Amino acid sequence: MVDLERITAETVAYYRALDEAAAPRHHFRHADEQGGLWYLEAVADRGELIIIKQAQLTSAGQLHRYSWEHLEDEHGGLTDQAIAPDEDPLETIPAEEFQQVWTR
């Protein structure tokens, strides 16, 4: 049987370590098919860009935020997939734009 508490604790520890590291941050925005906007903060880890904070602003104006402090809820969760800005439909944005949405 899988120890879900241990896996969750390890996942939280991984994302927290990335978030608390002094690594450069990369910020992106993505529009989805439903008219929502996704705001992403990522850091490099082992040659990949890992999302450490993710905010979804729905077309109805609802904001859902995910990070190591809140991995998931009934609306979704922090992605566990690395991103490739040159392949994924992402727009680079300034850190201030991300923070404005994140702290809303």
Protein backbone atom coordinates (compact mmCIF):
# COMPACT_ATOMS: atom_id res chain seq x y z
CA MET A 1 0.00 0.00 0.00
CA VAL A 2 1.24 3.48 -0.88
CA ASP A 3 1.90 5.85 2.00
CA LEU A 4 0.02 8.94 0.74
CA GLU A 5 1.01 11.07 3.73
CA ARG A 6 4.70 10.42 3.05
CA ILE A 7 4.31 11.17 -0.67
CA THR A 8 2.42 14.38 0.10
CA ALA A 9 5.09 15.43 2.63
CA GLU A 10 7.86 14.76 0.10
CA THR A 11 5.99 16.71 -2.60
CA VAL A 12 5.46 19.68 -0.28
CA ALA A 13 9.13 19.59 0.77
CA TYR A 14 10.29 19.53 -2.88
CA TYR A 15 8.19 22.52 -3.98
CA ARG A 16 8.95 24.43 -0.78
CA ALA A 17 12.70 23.98 -1.28
CA LEU A 18 12.40 25.25 -4.86
CA ASP A 19 10.30 28.22 -3.72
CA GLU A 20 12.68 29.16 -0.92
CA ALA A 21 15.82 28.80 -3.03
CA ALA A 22 17.53 31.90 -4.35
CA ALA A 23 17.06 30.72 -7.94
CA PRO A 24 15.95 33.15 -10.67
CA ARG A 25 12.20 33.19 -11.26
CA HIS A 26 10.47 32.97 -14.62
CA HIS A 27 6.90 34.22 -15.09
CA PHE A 28 4.38 33.28 -17.74
CA ARG A 29 0.76 33.74 -18.70
CA HIS A 30 -1.44 31.37 -20.69
CA ALA A 31 -5.01 31.85 -21.94
CA ASP A 32 -7.16 28.72 -21.89
CA GLU A 33 -10.03 27.73 -24.18
CA GLN A 34 -12.67 28.79 -21.61
CA GLY A 35 -11.45 32.39 -21.49
CA GLY A 36 -9.47 31.97 -18.28
CA LEU A 37 -5.91 33.08 -17.68
CA TRP A 38 -3.17 31.05 -16.03
CA TYR A 39 -0.25 32.79 -14.31
CA LEU A 40 2.84 30.73 -13.61
CA GLU A 41 6.03 31.21 -11.62
CA ALA A 42 8.77 28.69 -12.39
CA VAL A 43 12.36 27.95 -11.45
CA ALA A 44 14.97 25.76 -13.11
CA ASP A 45 15.64 22.37 -11.54
CA ARG A 46 17.80 19.68 -13.13
CA GLY A 47 17.51 21.28 -16.55
CA GLU A 48 13.73 21.75 -16.49
CA LEU A 49 11.44 24.65 -15.61
CA ILE A 50 9.29 23.61 -12.67
CA ILE A 51 6.17 25.56 -11.76
CA ILE A 52 6.25 26.52 -8.09
CA LYS A 53 3.27 28.87 -8.06
CA GLN A 54 0.23 28.76 -10.29
CA ALA A 55 -2.79 31.06 -10.33
CA GLN A 56 -5.87 30.50 -12.43
CA LEU A 57 -8.15 33.46 -13.06
CA THR A 58 -11.36 32.02 -14.50
CA SER A 59 -13.52 33.81 -17.06
CA ALA A 60 -16.02 34.34 -14.19
CA GLY A 61 -13.35 36.19 -12.19
CA GLN A 62 -12.61 33.45 -9.65
CA LEU A 63 -8.99 33.11 -8.58
CA HIS A 64 -7.49 29.75 -7.64
CA ARG A 65 -3.90 29.69 -6.32
CA TYR A 66 -1.62 26.68 -5.90
CA SER A 67 1.85 26.33 -4.39
CA TRP A 68 3.58 24.14 -1.81
CA GLU A 69 1.31 25.75 0.78
CA HIS A 70 -1.86 24.68 -1.07
CA LEU A 71 -1.22 21.88 -3.56
CA GLU A 72 -4.79 21.15 -4.62
CA ASP A 73 -8.47 21.60 -3.99
CA GLU A 74 -11.77 20.81 -5.69
CA HIS A 75 -10.93 23.22 -8.56
CA GLY A 76 -7.53 21.80 -9.48
CA GLY A 77 -3.95 21.70 -8.31
CA LEU A 78 -0.36 22.65 -8.87
CA THR A 79 0.87 20.98 -12.03
CA ASP A 80 3.56 18.36 -11.64
CA GLN A 81 4.70 18.72 -15.26
CA ALA A 82 7.74 20.74 -16.29
CA ILE A 83 7.12 23.46 -18.84
CA ALA A 84 8.95 24.25 -22.07
CA PRO A 85 8.32 27.91 -22.98
CA ASP A 86 9.63 27.39 -26.50
CA GLU A 87 7.10 24.56 -27.06
CA ASP A 88 4.18 25.44 -24.77
CA PRO A 89 1.85 28.35 -25.67
CA LEU A 90 3.15 30.63 -22.90
CA GLU A 91 3.71 34.36 -22.87
CA THR A 92 6.57 35.69 -20.76
CA ILE A 93 5.37 38.37 -18.34
CA PRO A 94 7.07 40.65 -15.80
CA ALA A 95 7.32 39.43 -12.20
CA GLU A 96 5.17 42.39 -11.13
CA GLU A 97 2.26 41.21 -13.27
CA PHE A 98 2.43 37.76 -11.72
CA GLN A 99 2.62 39.21 -8.19
CA GLN A 100 -0.33 41.49 -8.83
CA VAL A 101 -2.50 38.48 -9.65
CA TRP A 102 -0.97 36.22 -6.98
CA THR A 103 -1.62 38.71 -4.16
CA ARG A 104 -5.08 39.71 -5.36
